[in-house]
Protein backbone atom coordinates (compact mmCIF):
# COMPACT_ATOMS: atom_id res chain seq x y z
CA MET A 1 10.39 33.68 11.47
CA GLU A 2 12.84 33.36 8.57
CA GLU A 3 11.69 32.82 5.00
CA GLY A 4 12.34 29.18 4.11
CA THR A 5 10.87 27.89 7.36
CA LYS A 6 7.79 25.65 7.33
CA ILE A 7 4.82 26.84 9.35
CA LEU A 8 4.89 23.59 11.34
CA ASP A 9 8.63 24.01 11.99
CA HIS A 10 7.92 27.53 13.23
CA LEU A 11 5.28 26.23 15.63
CA SER A 12 7.74 23.58 16.83
CA ASN A 13 10.46 26.19 17.41
CA LEU A 14 8.05 28.43 19.27
CA ASN A 15 6.84 25.56 21.45
CA SER A 16 10.44 24.63 22.22
CA ILE A 17 11.21 28.15 23.38
CA ILE A 18 8.08 28.26 25.53
CA PHE A 19 8.95 24.83 26.92
CA GLU A 20 12.43 26.05 27.98
CA LEU A 21 11.08 29.25 29.57
CA GLU A 22 8.46 27.35 31.50
CA ALA A 23 11.12 24.90 32.67
CA ILE A 24 12.92 27.78 34.44
CA GLU A 25 9.59 28.99 35.89
CA VAL A 26 9.07 31.92 33.52
CA LYS A 27 5.28 32.35 33.35
CA ILE A 28 3.88 32.85 29.85
CA ASP A 29 0.11 33.25 29.57
CA ASP A 30 -1.97 32.14 26.58
CA GLU A 31 -2.33 35.65 25.11
CA ASP A 32 1.43 36.23 25.23
CA LYS A 33 2.04 32.95 23.35
CA ALA A 34 -0.51 33.96 20.72
CA LEU A 35 1.06 37.41 20.30
CA ARG A 36 4.56 35.94 19.96
CA LEU A 37 3.26 33.59 17.25
CA ILE A 38 1.43 36.32 15.27
CA LEU A 39 4.21 38.92 15.37
CA SER A 40 6.84 36.38 14.22
CA LEU A 41 4.99 35.24 11.09
CA LEU A 42 6.90 35.38 7.83
CA PRO A 43 5.72 37.63 4.96
CA SER A 44 3.92 34.75 3.27
CA TYR A 45 1.46 34.75 6.16
CA GLU A 46 1.35 38.54 6.65
CA HIS A 47 -2.25 38.64 5.40
CA MET A 48 -3.28 36.49 8.39
CA LYS A 49 -2.20 38.99 11.05
CA PRO A 50 -5.39 41.18 10.98
CA ILE A 51 -7.53 38.05 10.82
CA LEU A 52 -5.88 36.64 13.90
CA MET A 53 -5.83 39.91 15.87
CA TYR A 54 -8.89 41.99 14.92
CA GLY A 55 -11.59 41.98 17.57
CA LYS A 56 -9.81 39.34 19.64
CA ASP A 57 -9.66 40.28 23.32
CA PRO A 58 -7.87 38.39 24.68
CA LEU A 59 -5.85 36.68 21.95
CA ASN A 60 -6.16 32.88 21.89
CA PHE A 61 -3.10 30.74 21.05
CA ALA A 62 -5.09 27.60 20.14
CA GLU A 63 -7.43 29.57 17.84
CA ALA A 64 -4.52 31.35 16.14
CA THR A 65 -2.70 28.07 15.57
CA SER A 66 -5.80 26.34 14.22
CA LYS A 67 -6.46 29.15 11.73
CA LEU A 68 -2.86 29.10 10.54
CA LEU A 69 -2.99 25.36 9.90
CA LEU A 70 -6.26 25.76 8.00
CA GLU A 71 -4.66 28.51 5.91
CA LYS A 72 -1.71 26.22 5.24
CA ARG A 73 -4.03 23.54 3.88
CA ARG A 74 -5.95 26.10 1.78
CA LEU A 75 -2.76 27.44 0.20
CA LYS A 76 -1.64 23.90 -0.54
CA SER A 77 -4.96 22.91 -2.12
CA GLU A 78 -4.76 25.97 -4.40
CA GLY A 79 -1.27 25.07 -5.58
CA ARG A 80 0.33 27.99 -3.73
CA THR A 81 2.71 25.89 -1.65
CA SER A 82 6.00 27.71 -1.01
CA ARG A 83 9.46 26.67 0.19
CA PHE A 84 8.53 27.21 3.82
CA ASP A 85 5.60 24.81 3.43
CA THR A 86 6.97 21.97 1.37
CA ASP A 87 6.77 18.26 2.01
CA GLU A 88 10.09 17.62 0.31
CA PRO A 89 13.03 16.20 2.36
CA ASP A 90 15.67 18.65 3.49
CA GLU A 91 19.04 17.18 4.50
CA ASP A 92 20.76 20.48 5.25
CA ARG A 93 21.68 20.02 8.93
CA SER A 94 22.14 23.74 9.44
CA LYS A 95 18.46 24.56 8.79
CA TRP A 96 15.53 24.48 11.15
CA SER A 97 13.60 22.76 8.36
CA CYS A 98 16.03 19.83 8.25
CA THR A 99 14.07 16.57 7.99
CA LEU A 100 16.79 14.31 9.39
CA PHE A 101 16.14 12.46 12.64
CA GLU A 102 18.34 10.12 14.67
CA LEU A 103 16.84 6.91 16.13
CA ILE A 104 18.31 6.03 19.54
CA TYR A 105 17.44 2.55 20.87
CA ASP A 106 16.78 1.96 24.57
CA ALA A 107 17.63 -1.74 25.09
CA ASP A 108 16.12 -1.84 28.60
CA LEU A 109 12.72 -0.53 27.54
CA GLN A 110 12.96 -1.94 23.96
CA VAL A 111 11.79 1.39 22.56
CA TYR A 112 13.25 4.25 20.52
CA ARG A 113 13.87 7.92 21.17
CA ILE A 114 13.87 10.18 18.14
CA ARG A 115 16.19 13.20 18.06
CA HIS A 116 16.06 16.04 15.54
CA VAL A 117 19.50 16.37 13.96
CA LYS A 118 19.54 20.18 13.77
CA LEU A 119 17.97 20.97 17.13
CA GLY A 120 19.49 18.09 19.09
CA TYR A 121 16.11 17.76 20.82
CA PHE A 122 14.09 14.62 21.37
CA LEU A 123 10.55 14.38 19.97
CA ILE A 124 7.82 14.40 22.59
CA PRO A 125 4.02 14.23 22.27
CA HIS A 126 2.21 17.58 22.27
CA THR A 127 -0.48 17.70 24.96
CA GLY A 128 -1.72 21.23 24.40
CA PRO A 129 -4.85 22.54 22.69
CA ILE A 130 -3.63 21.83 19.14
CA ALA A 131 -2.73 18.19 19.78
CA ALA A 132 -5.25 17.00 17.17
CA ASP A 133 -3.35 18.80 14.36
CA TYR A 134 0.15 18.82 15.79
CA THR A 135 0.95 15.69 17.69
CA ILE A 136 4.71 15.72 18.40
CA TYR A 137 7.43 18.34 18.58
CA ALA A 138 11.13 18.64 19.38
CA GLY A 139 10.73 19.50 23.00
CA THR A 140 13.47 18.16 25.28
CA ALA A 141 17.28 18.21 25.12
CA THR A 142 17.63 15.24 27.48
CA PRO A 143 15.63 12.01 27.77
CA ASP A 144 12.34 12.60 29.58
CA PRO A 145 12.47 11.10 33.13
CA ASN A 146 8.85 9.90 32.76
CA ASN A 147 9.57 8.31 29.32
CA TRP A 148 7.07 10.53 27.50
CA ASP A 149 9.57 10.72 24.62
CA VAL A 150 9.78 7.01 23.79
CA PHE A 151 8.28 5.29 20.74
CA ALA A 152 7.66 1.64 20.01
CA ALA A 153 8.52 0.33 16.53
CA ILE A 154 6.13 -2.00 14.74
CA ASP A 155 7.16 -4.00 11.68
CA PHE A 156 4.38 -3.26 9.21
CA GLN A 157 5.46 -6.21 7.07
CA SER A 158 4.39 -8.54 9.89
CA LEU A 159 1.34 -6.56 10.97
CA LEU A 160 -1.97 -8.27 10.17
CA VAL A 161 -5.28 -6.60 10.87
CA LEU A 162 -8.02 -9.20 11.34
CA PRO A 163 -11.73 -8.57 10.72
CA LYS A 164 -13.93 -7.57 13.64
CA LEU A 165 -16.48 -10.45 13.70
CA VAL A 166 -15.23 -13.88 12.62
CA ALA A 167 -15.59 -17.63 12.81
CA PHE A 168 -12.53 -19.89 12.97
CA LYS A 169 -12.40 -23.18 11.09
CA GLY A 170 -9.82 -25.79 12.10
CA ASP A 171 -7.87 -28.18 9.93
CA ASN A 172 -10.56 -30.79 10.65
CA GLY A 173 -13.12 -28.68 8.79
CA GLN A 174 -15.04 -27.85 11.94
CA TYR A 175 -15.80 -24.41 13.39
CA LEU A 176 -14.37 -23.35 16.76
CA ARG A 177 -17.33 -23.04 19.16
CA ALA A 178 -18.05 -22.46 22.84
CA ALA A 179 -18.30 -25.65 24.94
CA MET A 180 -18.70 -25.99 28.71
CA GLN A 181 -16.61 -28.88 30.07
CA GLU A 182 -15.79 -29.55 33.72
CA HIS A 183 -17.33 -26.21 34.68
CA HIS A 184 -14.91 -24.30 32.40
CA GLU A 185 -15.46 -22.33 29.21
CA TYR A 186 -13.53 -24.41 26.68
CA LEU A 187 -13.32 -23.83 22.93
CA GLU A 188 -13.60 -26.86 20.65
CA PHE A 189 -13.54 -27.51 16.92
CA SER A 190 -16.93 -29.19 16.56
CA GLY A 191 -19.22 -26.69 14.79
CA THR A 192 -20.74 -27.48 11.40
CA SER A 193 -22.36 -24.12 10.57
CA ILE A 194 -20.98 -20.60 10.43
CA GLY A 195 -24.41 -19.45 11.57
CA ASP A 196 -24.00 -21.26 14.93
CA ASP A 197 -24.11 -18.49 17.60
CA LYS A 198 -21.56 -20.45 19.62
CA ALA A 199 -19.03 -20.11 16.79
CA ALA A 200 -18.97 -16.29 16.70
CA HIS A 201 -15.88 -14.44 17.97
CA GLU A 202 -14.88 -10.76 18.17
CA ILE A 203 -11.37 -9.48 17.47
CA LEU A 204 -9.95 -6.51 19.41
CA MET A 205 -6.57 -5.13 18.26
CA ASN A 206 -3.97 -3.84 20.70
CA ASP A 207 -1.67 -0.86 20.07
CA ASP A 208 1.30 -3.13 19.31
CA GLY A 209 -0.55 -5.17 16.65
CA SER A 210 -1.42 -8.15 18.87
CA VAL A 211 -5.03 -9.11 19.35
CA ARG A 212 -7.46 -10.21 22.01
CA VAL A 213 -10.34 -12.54 21.12
CA LYS A 214 -13.76 -12.57 22.72
CA SER A 215 -16.29 -15.42 22.52
CA LYS A 216 -19.60 -13.79 21.59
CA PHE A 217 -21.53 -16.68 23.20
CA PHE A 218 -19.74 -16.60 26.54
CA GLY A 219 -19.25 -12.81 26.38
CA LYS A 220 -15.71 -13.37 27.70
CA PHE A 221 -12.12 -13.14 26.44
CA TRP A 222 -9.80 -15.98 25.58
CA ARG A 223 -7.19 -16.72 28.27
CA LEU A 224 -4.26 -19.11 28.67
CA SER A 225 -4.84 -21.57 31.57
CA PRO A 226 -2.33 -23.24 31.89
CA ARG A 227 -2.08 -24.25 28.21
CA TRP A 228 -5.76 -24.65 27.41
CA ILE A 229 -7.44 -21.59 26.04
CA TRP A 230 -10.52 -20.79 28.07
CA ALA A 231 -12.99 -18.01 27.26
CA ASP A 232 -13.51 -17.08 30.90
CA LEU A 233 -12.16 -13.55 31.42
CA THR A 234 -14.65 -10.72 31.65
CA ASP A 235 -12.17 -7.85 31.49
CA ALA A 236 -9.11 -8.58 29.35
CA SER A 237 -6.34 -6.00 29.46
CA SER A 238 -3.70 -5.65 26.78
CA ASP A 239 -1.23 -5.65 29.68
CA ASN A 240 -2.04 -9.30 30.40
CA PRO A 241 0.02 -11.39 27.91
CA ASP A 242 -2.06 -14.51 28.64
CA THR A 243 -5.00 -12.86 26.84
CA CYS A 244 -2.99 -11.57 23.87
CA PHE A 245 -2.12 -13.32 20.58
CA TRP A 246 0.05 -12.42 17.64
CA PRO A 247 -1.42 -13.39 14.25
CA PHE A 248 0.74 -14.86 11.53
CA LYS A 249 -0.44 -15.49 7.96
CA TYR A 250 0.07 -18.71 6.00
CA SER A 251 0.43 -18.68 2.21
CA GLU A 252 -3.08 -20.15 1.93
CA ASP A 253 -5.88 -17.64 1.55
CA ASN A 254 -7.50 -16.52 4.82
CA THR A 255 -5.38 -18.91 6.93
CA ILE A 256 -3.52 -17.77 10.04
CA ALA A 257 -1.76 -19.05 13.17
CA LEU A 258 -2.10 -17.43 16.60
CA LYS A 259 0.87 -17.23 18.99
CA ASN A 260 0.00 -16.67 22.64
CA LEU A 261 2.16 -13.95 24.24
CA GLY A 262 1.89 -15.53 27.69
CA ASN A 263 3.91 -18.67 26.91
CA SER A 264 5.16 -17.74 23.39
CA LEU A 265 3.61 -20.93 21.95
CA PHE A 266 1.21 -21.31 19.05
CA ARG A 267 -2.33 -22.44 19.70
CA LYS A 268 -3.38 -25.72 18.12
CA ARG A 269 -6.22 -28.25 17.93
CA LEU A 270 -5.48 -30.86 20.61
CA THR A 271 -7.11 -34.06 21.88
CA VAL A 272 -5.81 -35.01 25.35
CA GLU A 273 -6.91 -35.36 29.00
CA GLY A 274 -10.45 -36.28 28.00
CA LYS A 275 -10.82 -33.21 25.79
CA THR A 276 -11.48 -33.67 22.07
CA ASP A 277 -10.32 -31.14 19.45
CA CYS A 278 -10.06 -28.27 21.97
CA LEU A 279 -7.97 -25.10 21.70
CA ASN A 280 -4.55 -25.37 23.34
CA ALA A 281 -1.39 -23.22 23.18
CA SER A 282 1.36 -25.84 23.04
CA ALA A 283 2.96 -25.81 19.56
CA SER A 284 6.53 -24.47 19.32
CA ASN A 285 6.08 -23.54 15.68
CA MET A 286 3.37 -23.12 13.05
CA GLY A 287 4.49 -26.02 10.90
CA SER A 288 1.76 -28.51 11.76
CA SER A 289 -1.72 -28.54 10.24
CA GLU A 290 -3.30 -28.38 13.73
CA THR A 291 -2.06 -24.77 14.18
CA LYS A 292 -3.91 -23.57 11.07
CA LEU A 293 -7.04 -21.43 11.45
CA THR A 294 -9.14 -20.44 8.47
CA ILE A 295 -10.98 -17.17 9.09
CA GLU A 296 -14.47 -16.48 7.79
CA GLU A 297 -16.19 -13.15 8.36
CA LEU A 298 -19.68 -13.13 9.85
CA ILE A 299 -21.14 -10.90 7.21
CA HIS A 300 -23.57 -11.42 4.36
CA SER A 301 -22.26 -8.80 1.98
CA ARG A 302 -19.86 -5.87 1.82
CA GLU A 303 -19.82 -2.61 -0.13
CA ILE A 304 -16.87 -0.23 -0.28
CA GLU A 305 -16.93 3.34 -1.47
CA ILE A 306 -13.64 5.15 -1.90
CA VAL A 307 -13.71 8.48 -0.06
CA GLU A 308 -10.33 9.91 -0.94
CA PHE A 309 -7.18 9.02 -2.90
CA ARG A 310 -4.28 10.52 -0.92
CA THR A 311 -2.19 11.55 -3.94
CA ALA A 312 0.21 13.56 -1.79
CA GLU A 313 1.36 10.25 -0.23
CA ALA A 314 1.58 8.37 -3.53
CA LYS A 315 4.80 6.79 -4.81
CA ILE A 316 5.90 6.53 -8.47
CA TYR A 317 8.67 4.09 -9.27
CA HIS A 318 10.20 1.95 -12.12
CA GLU A 319 9.90 4.97 -14.47
CA THR A 320 11.15 4.53 -18.03
CA ILE A 321 11.09 6.86 -21.03
CA ASP A 322 9.09 5.79 -24.08
CA MET A 323 9.31 7.53 -27.50
CA LYS A 324 5.79 7.15 -28.78
CA ASN A 325 6.05 8.62 -32.32
CA TYR A 326 7.73 11.44 -34.19
CA THR A 327 7.72 13.45 -37.41
CA ASN A 328 10.36 15.30 -39.50
CA ILE A 329 9.51 18.57 -41.17
CA GLU A 330 12.02 20.25 -43.48
CA ASN A 331 11.89 23.86 -44.75
CA ASN A 332 13.78 24.26 -48.01
CA GLY A 333 12.41 27.75 -48.65
CA SER A 334 13.73 31.18 -47.75
CA GLU A 335 11.05 32.11 -45.18
CA ASP A 336 9.78 30.74 -41.88
CA VAL A 337 7.21 27.98 -42.17
CA HIS A 338 4.55 27.65 -39.43
CA GLU A 339 3.49 24.05 -38.87
CA GLU A 340 1.37 22.07 -36.51
CA PHE A 341 1.34 18.40 -35.70
CA GLN A 342 -1.09 16.36 -33.62
CA PHE A 343 0.30 13.50 -31.59
CA SER A 344 -2.10 10.80 -30.52
CA PHE A 345 -1.55 7.57 -28.69
CA LYS A 346 -3.38 5.07 -26.50
CA ASP A 347 -2.15 4.72 -22.93
CA ILE A 348 -2.88 1.28 -21.43
CA ALA A 349 -2.67 0.88 -17.66
CA THR A 350 -3.52 -1.80 -15.11
CA GLY A 351 -4.75 -1.26 -11.59
CA THR A 352 -5.65 -3.23 -8.48
CA PHE A 353 -7.61 -2.07 -5.44
CA SER A 354 -6.20 -3.73 -2.33
CA THR A 355 -5.31 -3.18 1.31
CA THR A 356 -2.01 -2.81 3.10
CA LEU A 357 -3.13 -4.12 6.48
CA SER A 358 -6.66 -5.49 6.77
CA LEU A 359 -7.34 -9.13 5.99
CA LYS A 360 -10.39 -9.35 3.72
CA VAL A 361 -11.65 -12.91 3.98
CA GLY A 362 -14.20 -14.95 2.12
CA VAL A 363 -16.52 -12.09 1.22
CA LYS A 364 -17.26 -10.88 -2.28
CA THR A 365 -16.62 -7.14 -2.10
CA THR A 366 -17.87 -4.45 -4.50
CA ILE A 367 -15.85 -1.23 -4.67
CA GLU A 368 -17.40 1.99 -5.93
CA THR A 369 -15.16 4.87 -6.99
CA LYS A 370 -15.75 8.08 -8.92
CA VAL A 371 -12.14 8.41 -10.10
CA VAL A 372 -9.15 6.14 -10.76
CA PRO A 373 -5.46 7.22 -10.44
CA TYR A 374 -3.01 7.15 -13.32
CA ILE A 375 0.47 8.51 -14.05
CA PHE A 376 0.61 11.60 -16.25
CA GLU A 377 3.61 13.91 -16.71
CA ASN A 378 5.50 12.32 -13.77
CA LYS A 379 2.67 12.87 -11.31
CA ILE A 380 -0.53 11.21 -10.19
CA GLU A 381 -3.75 12.36 -11.83
CA LEU A 382 -7.31 11.24 -11.07
CA SER A 383 -9.53 10.34 -14.04
CA ALA A 384 -13.32 10.25 -13.88
CA GLU A 385 -13.37 8.29 -17.15
CA PHE A 386 -12.85 5.04 -15.27
CA ALA A 387 -15.45 5.57 -12.53
CA GLY A 388 -17.49 2.47 -11.75
CA SER A 389 -17.68 -0.74 -9.73
CA PHE A 390 -14.68 -2.98 -9.14
CA THR A 391 -13.86 -6.14 -7.21
CA TRP A 392 -11.40 -6.10 -4.33
CA GLY A 393 -8.03 -7.69 -5.27
CA LYS A 394 -8.81 -8.09 -9.00
CA THR A 395 -6.57 -6.47 -11.60
CA TYR A 396 -8.24 -4.26 -14.21
CA THR A 397 -7.08 -2.77 -17.48
CA PHE A 398 -7.73 0.89 -18.27
CA GLU A 399 -7.27 2.53 -21.65
CA LYS A 400 -7.02 6.28 -22.19
CA GLU A 401 -6.65 8.13 -25.50
CA PHE A 402 -4.28 11.09 -25.51
CA LYS A 403 -4.14 13.79 -28.15
CA ASN A 404 -1.82 16.78 -28.20
CA LEU A 405 -1.59 19.53 -30.86
CA PHE A 406 1.82 21.14 -31.19
CA LYS A 407 2.48 24.37 -33.18
CA PHE A 408 6.02 25.34 -34.14
CA THR A 409 8.05 27.38 -36.59
CA VAL A 410 10.63 25.87 -38.99
CA PRO A 411 13.32 28.42 -40.01
CA PRO A 412 14.53 28.60 -43.66
CA LYS A 413 16.84 25.81 -44.76
CA LYS A 414 16.24 23.98 -41.45
CA LYS A 415 14.70 20.69 -40.42
CA VAL A 416 12.68 20.06 -37.26
CA LYS A 417 12.12 16.68 -35.67
CA ALA A 418 9.13 16.56 -33.33
CA ARG A 419 8.73 13.57 -31.07
CA LEU A 420 6.43 12.66 -28.18
CA VAL A 421 8.18 11.49 -25.03
CA ALA A 422 6.01 9.53 -22.64
CA THR A 423 6.76 8.05 -19.25
CA LYS A 424 5.97 4.50 -18.20
CA GLY A 425 5.92 3.58 -14.54
CA SER A 426 4.29 2.00 -11.54
CA CYS A 427 2.53 3.72 -8.70
CA ASN A 428 1.13 3.03 -5.25
CA VAL A 429 -1.68 5.42 -4.25
CA PRO A 430 -3.11 5.09 -0.70
CA PHE A 431 -6.80 5.73 -0.21
CA SER A 432 -9.42 5.93 2.52
CA TYR A 433 -12.75 4.18 2.11
CA THR A 434 -16.11 3.63 3.76
CA GLN A 435 -16.92 0.00 4.35
CA ARG A 436 -20.59 -0.99 4.67
CA ASP A 437 -21.11 -4.53 6.01
CA THR A 438 -24.45 -6.33 6.16
CA LEU A 439 -24.15 -8.85 8.99
CA LEU A 440 -25.72 -12.32 9.05
CA ASP A 441 -28.46 -11.04 11.35
CA GLY A 442 -29.32 -8.23 8.94
CA ARG A 443 -27.71 -5.40 10.85
CA VAL A 444 -25.64 -2.91 8.86
CA VAL A 445 -22.29 -1.64 10.18
CA THR A 446 -20.47 1.24 8.49
CA THR A 447 -16.81 2.10 9.22
CA THR A 448 -14.19 4.38 7.68
CA ILE A 449 -10.82 2.71 7.03
CA HIS A 450 -7.54 4.25 5.87
CA ASP A 451 -5.45 1.23 4.73
CA GLY A 452 -6.53 1.08 1.08
CA MET A 453 -3.87 0.91 -1.64
CA PHE A 454 -4.24 1.27 -5.40
CA TYR A 455 -1.42 -0.49 -7.29
CA GLY A 456 -1.15 0.85 -10.85
CA VAL A 457 1.12 0.29 -13.84
CA ASN A 458 1.21 2.45 -17.00
CA CYS A 459 2.13 0.19 -19.95
């Protein structure tokens, strides 16, 4: 293992070699893989060799890999990250640590293959014992015949994550509720109360971002038949397009349209064939008021506690230099003069706690956090000064007083100008949070979500 190689790159290279040997029927047992890994470690991980080998009979590849990844995280948390373990981009195509990848589109399957520029190998999911920590690797020089090396692309700008338990209100001001008509499970806009048990629906999200919807009263999934939407399917698969819908957001708060994937038409409120204000997928676009659905969550209250700001994934942009204040000190004497000067200034910042994916609808949400991010010396810092309760989506102003004492020497017959250079900028800091919902029936549901985003600006 050469110095300058990331530990994860090294694992990828090792797995690629093992993959090629196994492809030509060379048998490599688990202990041999572990030994190859340990003996090829670079000097930065030399201290791990006795830990990985002492008292281990036989050696275990999964255990060795797991301990190396834990050590990697420990070194990073202690600020001891080295060149072989950096998260910085590397565009040198001659290096194993090159971070350039080529996207190759398969028009027939409508998917992508991803090829590492240096290796010339396609990425493929790792199915071994360390899959939880190391999910893909450069493992095949040619496209996999079973298509294990293909990836679907999802446009995150169009992705909309709906709440789990909801009620839908139509443009007529009525809630969508279960209604038996002609021995079929229709859905009609006739409810007057969000507490009506016939108006409750459950959202299930598919891997591609589309959703399936289940009527809580009928206990069955929505289905296209032939254009009416019936809630009559007990087992809805994401492979059945008639049961899947793609959500689109209107500019109005909490208002969406649903496009059925079976006939590629938008659902709408329709009165026809003896049915009044029932759900039907027959609109070619989302321009009419009948296609609008206002979502209301079936919860009484919500509390959010921020678990972790992921500062390593933060972005700082729109940086500008600001000269805060300065002083001139002149020495007209014949000897050095030792001076000190204290700079002080007030940094004013704004911040908003929001989400990149989830749609938070109609519920007053309290956010608790012990720290708040801010930009300091071109990086993200976390300040406990601003800990407290905040409201989701509201912009807050934070003020922080900075003081710095500088000591310097002014030579004879010289003048020194001291000035404080500050950086203004904006930042996006992702965070994970625990969401605690109290439902209308009094039950409490707690979930951990990773789509939080703090938007900050240092003024």
